[in-house]
Amino acid sequence: MRCLAWNGRLLIAGFAAGSIPSHAANRVLLKGASVIGVRAEAMRRLADRQAIGRIAIHVDTTQ
């Protein structure tokens, strides 16, 4: 969470097995960030589209 930028987005793509991890929400709230959960199948479709060039992944800045 510390590497997440102000007003950043954290994408959570499914869980392999076991219990769902938990995290304190205070860092998300303080940074004004968004937490977005997607199903693993949707993430796989996005990766397939990116691999054939139908969509491009954009990283605005890194720190």
PDB file of N, CA and C in Angstrom:
ATOM      1  N   MET A   1       0.802  -1.195   0.000  1.00  0.00           N
ATOM      2  CA  MET A   1       0.000   0.000   0.000  1.00  0.00           C
ATOM      3  C   MET A   1       0.849   1.265   0.000  1.00  0.00           C
ATOM      4  N   ARG A   2       2.027   1.200   0.550  1.00  0.00           N
ATOM      5  CA  ARG A   2       2.855   2.396   0.623  1.00  0.00           C
ATOM      6  C   ARG A   2       3.297   2.872  -0.747  1.00  0.00           C
ATOM      7  N   CYS A   3       3.375   1.970  -1.716  1.00  0.00           N
ATOM      8  CA  CYS A   3       3.817   2.369  -3.050  1.00  0.00           C
ATOM      9  C   CYS A   3       2.679   2.946  -3.884  1.00  0.00           C
ATOM     10  N   LEU A   4       1.462   2.887  -3.413  1.00  0.00           N
ATOM     11  CA  LEU A   4       0.324   3.410  -4.150  1.00  0.00           C
ATOM     12  C   LEU A   4       0.345   4.933  -4.140  1.00  0.00           C
ATOM     13  N   ALA A   5       0.208   5.538  -5.306  1.00  0.00           N
ATOM     14  CA  ALA A   5       0.253   6.997  -5.444  1.00  0.00           C
ATOM     15  C   ALA A   5      -1.039   7.627  -4.914  1.00  0.00           C
ATOM     16  N   TRP A   6      -0.983   8.926  -4.676  1.00  0.00           N
ATOM     17  CA  TRP A   6      -2.177   9.670  -4.288  1.00  0.00           C
ATOM     18  C   TRP A   6      -3.209   9.535  -5.397  1.00  0.00           C
ATOM     19  N   ASN A   7      -4.462   9.343  -5.032  1.00  0.00           N
ATOM     20  CA  ASN A   7      -5.573   9.149  -5.967  1.00  0.00           C
ATOM     21  C   ASN A   7      -5.332   7.965  -6.896  1.00  0.00           C
ATOM     22  N   GLY A   8      -4.541   6.987  -6.452  1.00  0.00           N
ATOM     23  CA  GLY A   8      -4.224   5.817  -7.265  1.00  0.00           C
ATOM     24  C   GLY A   8      -5.354   4.804  -7.269  1.00  0.00           C
ATOM     25  N   ARG A   9      -5.157   3.760  -8.065  1.00  0.00           N
ATOM     26  CA  ARG A   9      -6.130   2.674  -8.156  1.00  0.00           C
ATOM     27  C   ARG A   9      -5.425   1.362  -7.866  1.00  0.00           C
ATOM     28  N   LEU A  10      -6.018   0.568  -7.023  1.00  0.00           N
ATOM     29  CA  LEU A  10      -5.495  -0.740  -6.694  1.00  0.00           C
ATOM     30  C   LEU A  10      -6.457  -1.767  -7.265  1.00  0.00           C
ATOM     31  N   LEU A  11      -5.968  -2.572  -8.186  1.00  0.00           N
ATOM     32  CA  LEU A  11      -6.789  -3.590  -8.837  1.00  0.00           C
ATOM     33  C   LEU A  11      -6.537  -4.933  -8.174  1.00  0.00           C
ATOM     34  N   ILE A  12      -7.593  -5.539  -7.667  1.00  0.00           N
ATOM     35  CA  ILE A  12      -7.500  -6.853  -7.039  1.00  0.00           C
ATOM     36  C   ILE A  12      -8.160  -7.842  -7.975  1.00  0.00           C
ATOM     37  N   ALA A  13      -7.363  -8.823  -8.444  1.00  0.00           N
ATOM     38  CA  ALA A  13      -7.858  -9.772  -9.442  1.00  0.00           C
ATOM     39  C   ALA A  13      -7.944 -11.172  -8.858  1.00  0.00           C
ATOM     40  N   GLY A  14      -9.040 -11.468  -8.184  1.00  0.00           N
ATOM     41  CA  GLY A  14      -9.315 -12.807  -7.696  1.00  0.00           C
ATOM     42  C   GLY A  14      -8.356 -13.319  -6.636  1.00  0.00           C
ATOM     43  N   PHE A  15      -8.646 -14.484  -6.117  1.00  0.00           N
ATOM     44  CA  PHE A  15      -7.824 -15.143  -5.111  1.00  0.00           C
ATOM     45  C   PHE A  15      -7.688 -16.605  -5.500  1.00  0.00           C
ATOM     46  N   ALA A  16      -6.486 -17.143  -5.370  1.00  0.00           N
ATOM     47  CA  ALA A  16      -6.241 -18.532  -5.779  1.00  0.00           C
ATOM     48  C   ALA A  16      -6.933 -19.521  -4.850  1.00  0.00           C
ATOM     49  N   ALA A  17      -6.718 -19.373  -3.559  1.00  0.00           N
ATOM     50  CA  ALA A  17      -7.317 -20.310  -2.610  1.00  0.00           C
ATOM     51  C   ALA A  17      -7.180 -19.742  -1.206  1.00  0.00           C
ATOM     52  N   GLY A  18      -7.865 -20.372  -0.283  1.00  0.00           N
ATOM     53  CA  GLY A  18      -7.750 -19.966   1.111  1.00  0.00           C
ATOM     54  C   GLY A  18      -8.633 -18.782   1.455  1.00  0.00           C
ATOM     55  N   SER A  19      -8.286 -18.160   2.567  1.00  0.00           N
ATOM     56  CA  SER A  19      -9.093 -17.041   3.042  1.00  0.00           C
ATOM     57  C   SER A  19      -8.745 -15.760   2.287  1.00  0.00           C
ATOM     58  N   ILE A  20      -9.687 -14.861   2.249  1.00  0.00           N
ATOM     59  CA  ILE A  20      -9.490 -13.574   1.587  1.00  0.00           C
ATOM     60  C   ILE A  20      -8.700 -12.677   2.529  1.00  0.00           C
ATOM     61  N   PRO A  21      -7.568 -12.127   2.064  1.00  0.00           N
ATOM     62  CA  PRO A  21      -6.765 -11.271   2.939  1.00  0.00           C
ATOM     63  C   PRO A  21      -7.501  -9.986   3.304  1.00  0.00           C
ATOM     64  N   SER A  22      -7.172  -9.434   4.442  1.00  0.00           N
ATOM     65  CA  SER A  22      -7.781  -8.169   4.849  1.00  0.00           C
ATOM     66  C   SER A  22      -6.689  -7.120   5.010  1.00  0.00           C
ATOM     67  N   HIS A  23      -7.088  -5.871   4.915  1.00  0.00           N
ATOM     68  CA  HIS A  23      -6.139  -4.776   5.037  1.00  0.00           C
ATOM     69  C   HIS A  23      -6.860  -3.592   5.665  1.00  0.00           C
ATOM     70  N   ALA A  24      -6.147  -2.861   6.473  1.00  0.00           N
ATOM     71  CA  ALA A  24      -6.750  -1.670   7.088  1.00  0.00           C
ATOM     72  C   ALA A  24      -7.061  -0.643   5.997  1.00  0.00           C
ATOM     73  N   ALA A  25      -8.217  -0.055   6.075  1.00  0.00           N
ATOM     74  CA  ALA A  25      -8.661   0.874   5.040  1.00  0.00           C
ATOM     75  C   ALA A  25      -8.111   2.286   5.220  1.00  0.00           C
ATOM     76  N   ASN A  26      -7.421   2.567   6.316  1.00  0.00           N
ATOM     77  CA  ASN A  26      -7.005   3.948   6.559  1.00  0.00           C
ATOM     78  C   ASN A  26      -6.040   4.469   5.496  1.00  0.00           C
ATOM     79  N   ARG A  27      -5.117   3.648   5.000  1.00  0.00           N
ATOM     80  CA  ARG A  27      -4.186   4.120   3.964  1.00  0.00           C
ATOM     81  C   ARG A  27      -4.917   4.426   2.664  1.00  0.00           C
ATOM     82  N   VAL A  28      -5.892   3.598   2.332  1.00  0.00           N
ATOM     83  CA  VAL A  28      -6.682   3.840   1.119  1.00  0.00           C
ATOM     84  C   VAL A  28      -7.432   5.154   1.251  1.00  0.00           C
ATOM     85  N   LEU A  29      -8.045   5.381   2.387  1.00  0.00           N
ATOM     86  CA  LEU A  29      -8.809   6.613   2.602  1.00  0.00           C
ATOM     87  C   LEU A  29      -7.906   7.846   2.633  1.00  0.00           C
ATOM     88  N   LEU A  30      -6.776   7.744   3.300  1.00  0.00           N
ATOM     89  CA  LEU A  30      -5.872   8.891   3.397  1.00  0.00           C
ATOM     90  C   LEU A  30      -5.293   9.294   2.045  1.00  0.00           C
ATOM     91  N   LYS A  31      -5.050   8.328   1.189  1.00  0.00           N
ATOM     92  CA  LYS A  31      -4.483   8.620  -0.124  1.00  0.00           C
ATOM     93  C   LYS A  31      -5.553   8.931  -1.165  1.00  0.00           C
ATOM     94  N   GLY A  32      -6.812   8.819  -0.802  1.00  0.00           N
ATOM     95  CA  GLY A  32      -7.885   9.086  -1.750  1.00  0.00           C
ATOM     96  C   GLY A  32      -7.897   8.072  -2.884  1.00  0.00           C
ATOM     97  N   ALA A  33      -7.462   6.861  -2.602  1.00  0.00           N
ATOM     98  CA  ALA A  33      -7.322   5.836  -3.630  1.00  0.00           C
ATOM     99  C   ALA A  33      -8.621   5.075  -3.848  1.00  0.00           C
ATOM    100  N   SER A  34      -8.646   4.314  -4.936  1.00  0.00           N
ATOM    101  CA  SER A  34      -9.767   3.443  -5.254  1.00  0.00           C
ATOM    102  C   SER A  34      -9.293   2.001  -5.227  1.00  0.00           C
ATOM    103  N   VAL A  35     -10.098   1.128  -4.660  1.00  0.00           N
ATOM    104  CA  VAL A  35      -9.814  -0.300  -4.672  1.00  0.00           C
ATOM    105  C   VAL A  35     -10.880  -0.943  -5.541  1.00  0.00           C
ATOM    106  N   ILE A  36     -10.429  -1.640  -6.581  1.00  0.00           N
ATOM    107  CA  ILE A  36     -11.344  -2.218  -7.559  1.00  0.00           C
ATOM    108  C   ILE A  36     -11.102  -3.717  -7.610  1.00  0.00           C
ATOM    109  N   GLY A  37     -12.140  -4.500  -7.427  1.00  0.00           N
ATOM    110  CA  GLY A  37     -12.030  -5.952  -7.510  1.00  0.00           C
ATOM    111  C   GLY A  37     -12.625  -6.460  -8.806  1.00  0.00           C
ATOM    112  N   VAL A  38     -11.931  -7.380  -9.445  1.00  0.00           N
ATOM    113  CA  VAL A  38     -12.435  -7.989 -10.675  1.00  0.00           C
ATOM    114  C   VAL A  38     -12.322  -9.504 -10.563  1.00  0.00           C
ATOM    115  N   ARG A  39     -13.153 -10.186 -11.306  1.00  0.00           N
ATOM    116  CA  ARG A  39     -13.082 -11.648 -11.349  1.00  0.00           C
ATOM    117  C   ARG A  39     -11.860 -12.051 -12.151  1.00  0.00           C
ATOM    118  N   ALA A  40     -11.279 -13.169 -11.819  1.00  0.00           N
ATOM    119  CA  ALA A  40     -10.081 -13.649 -12.502  1.00  0.00           C
ATOM    120  C   ALA A  40     -10.335 -13.835 -14.000  1.00  0.00           C
ATOM    121  N   GLU A  41     -11.515 -14.283 -14.371  1.00  0.00           N
ATOM    122  CA  GLU A  41     -11.843 -14.480 -15.790  1.00  0.00           C
ATOM    123  C   GLU A  41     -11.805 -13.161 -16.552  1.00  0.00           C
ATOM    124  N   ALA A  42     -12.324 -12.096 -15.946  1.00  0.00           N
ATOM    125  CA  ALA A  42     -12.287 -10.780 -16.593  1.00  0.00           C
ATOM    126  C   ALA A  42     -10.852 -10.303 -16.767  1.00  0.00           C
ATOM    127  N   MET A  43     -10.012 -10.568 -15.797  1.00  0.00           N
ATOM    128  CA  MET A  43      -8.604 -10.189 -15.882  1.00  0.00           C
ATOM    129  C   MET A  43      -7.904 -10.959 -16.988  1.00  0.00           C
ATOM    130  N   ARG A  44      -8.251 -12.227 -17.143  1.00  0.00           N
ATOM    131  CA  ARG A  44      -7.664 -13.055 -18.194  1.00  0.00           C
ATOM    132  C   ARG A  44      -8.060 -12.530 -19.575  1.00  0.00           C
ATOM    133  N   ARG A  45      -9.322 -12.113 -19.717  1.00  0.00           N
ATOM    134  CA  ARG A  45      -9.761 -11.544 -21.002  1.00  0.00           C
ATOM    135  C   ARG A  45      -9.029 -10.246 -21.320  1.00  0.00           C
ATOM    136  N   LEU A  46      -8.806  -9.416 -20.299  1.00  0.00           N
ATOM    137  CA  LEU A  46      -8.042  -8.185 -20.517  1.00  0.00           C
ATOM    138  C   LEU A  46      -6.615  -8.485 -20.953  1.00  0.00           C
ATOM    139  N   ALA A  47      -5.998  -9.474 -20.326  1.00  0.00           N
ATOM    140  CA  ALA A  47      -4.629  -9.856 -20.690  1.00  0.00           C
ATOM    141  C   ALA A  47      -4.573 -10.389 -22.118  1.00  0.00           C
ATOM    142  N   ASP A  48      -5.575 -11.158 -22.520  1.00  0.00           N
ATOM    143  CA  ASP A  48      -5.627 -11.671 -23.895  1.00  0.00           C
ATOM    144  C   ASP A  48      -5.756 -10.529 -24.896  1.00  0.00           C
ATOM    145  N   ARG A  49      -6.610  -9.560 -24.606  1.00  0.00           N
ATOM    146  CA  ARG A  49      -6.785  -8.411 -25.509  1.00  0.00           C
ATOM    147  C   ARG A  49      -5.521  -7.574 -25.589  1.00  0.00           C
ATOM    148  N   GLN A  50      -4.826  -7.448 -24.479  1.00  0.00           N
ATOM    149  CA  GLN A  50      -3.582  -6.693 -24.473  1.00  0.00           C
ATOM    150  C   GLN A  50      -2.515  -7.422 -25.280  1.00  0.00           C
ATOM    151  N   ALA A  51      -2.488  -8.741 -25.197  1.00  0.00           N
ATOM    152  CA  ALA A  51      -1.484  -9.540 -25.909  1.00  0.00           C
ATOM    153  C   ALA A  51      -1.624  -9.434 -27.420  1.00  0.00           C
ATOM    154  N   ILE A  52      -2.854  -9.308 -27.918  1.00  0.00           N
ATOM    155  CA  ILE A  52      -3.040  -9.207 -29.371  1.00  0.00           C
ATOM    156  C   ILE A  52      -3.106  -7.758 -29.848  1.00  0.00           C
ATOM    157  N   GLY A  53      -2.915  -6.814 -28.933  1.00  0.00           N
ATOM    158  CA  GLY A  53      -2.845  -5.411 -29.313  1.00  0.00           C
ATOM    159  C   GLY A  53      -4.166  -4.678 -29.416  1.00  0.00           C
ATOM    160  N   ARG A  54      -5.245  -5.256 -28.920  1.00  0.00           N
ATOM    161  CA  ARG A  54      -6.545  -4.579 -28.990  1.00  0.00           C
ATOM    162  C   ARG A  54      -6.684  -3.482 -27.946  1.00  0.00           C
ATOM    163  N   ILE A  55      -5.979  -3.618 -26.823  1.00  0.00           N
ATOM    164  CA  ILE A  55      -5.961  -2.568 -25.811  1.00  0.00           C
ATOM    165  C   ILE A  55      -4.516  -2.338 -25.389  1.00  0.00           C
ATOM    166  N   ALA A  56      -4.249  -1.166 -24.875  1.00  0.00           N
ATOM    167  CA  ALA A  56      -2.912  -0.829 -24.383  1.00  0.00           C
ATOM    168  C   ALA A  56      -3.012  -0.481 -22.907  1.00  0.00           C
ATOM    169  N   ILE A  57      -2.057  -0.961 -22.136  1.00  0.00           N
ATOM    170  CA  ILE A  57      -2.010  -0.648 -20.717  1.00  0.00           C
ATOM    171  C   ILE A  57      -1.183   0.624 -20.551  1.00  0.00           C
ATOM    172  N   HIS A  58      -1.745   1.585 -19.852  1.00  0.00           N
ATOM    173  CA  HIS A  58      -1.092   2.876 -19.664  1.00  0.00           C
ATOM    174  C   HIS A  58      -0.700   3.059 -18.198  1.00  0.00           C
ATOM    175  N   VAL A  59       0.573   3.311 -17.959  1.00  0.00           N
ATOM    176  CA  VAL A  59       1.048   3.654 -16.618  1.00  0.00           C
ATOM    177  C   VAL A  59       1.402   5.128 -16.672  1.00  0.00           C
ATOM    178  N   ASP A  60       0.686   5.930 -15.903  1.00  0.00           N
ATOM    179  CA  ASP A  60       0.867   7.376 -15.955  1.00  0.00           C
ATOM    180  C   ASP A  60       2.234   7.791 -15.418  1.00  0.00           C
ATOM    181  N   THR A  61       2.524   7.429 -14.180  1.00  0.00           N
ATOM    182  CA  THR A  61       3.808   7.744 -13.574  1.00  0.00           C
ATOM    183  C   THR A  61       4.198   6.630 -12.631  1.00  0.00           C
ATOM    184  N   THR A  62       5.463   6.549 -12.357  1.00  0.00           N
ATOM    185  CA  THR A  62       5.958   5.622 -11.349  1.00  0.00           C
ATOM    186  C   THR A  62       6.857   6.386 -10.409  1.00  0.00           C
ATOM    187  N   GLN A  63       7.011   5.873  -9.210  1.00  0.00           N
ATOM    188  CA  GLN A  63       7.862   6.551  -8.240  1.00  0.00           C
ATOM    189  C   GLN A  63       9.025   5.697  -7.876  1.00  0.00           C
TER     190      GLN A  63
END
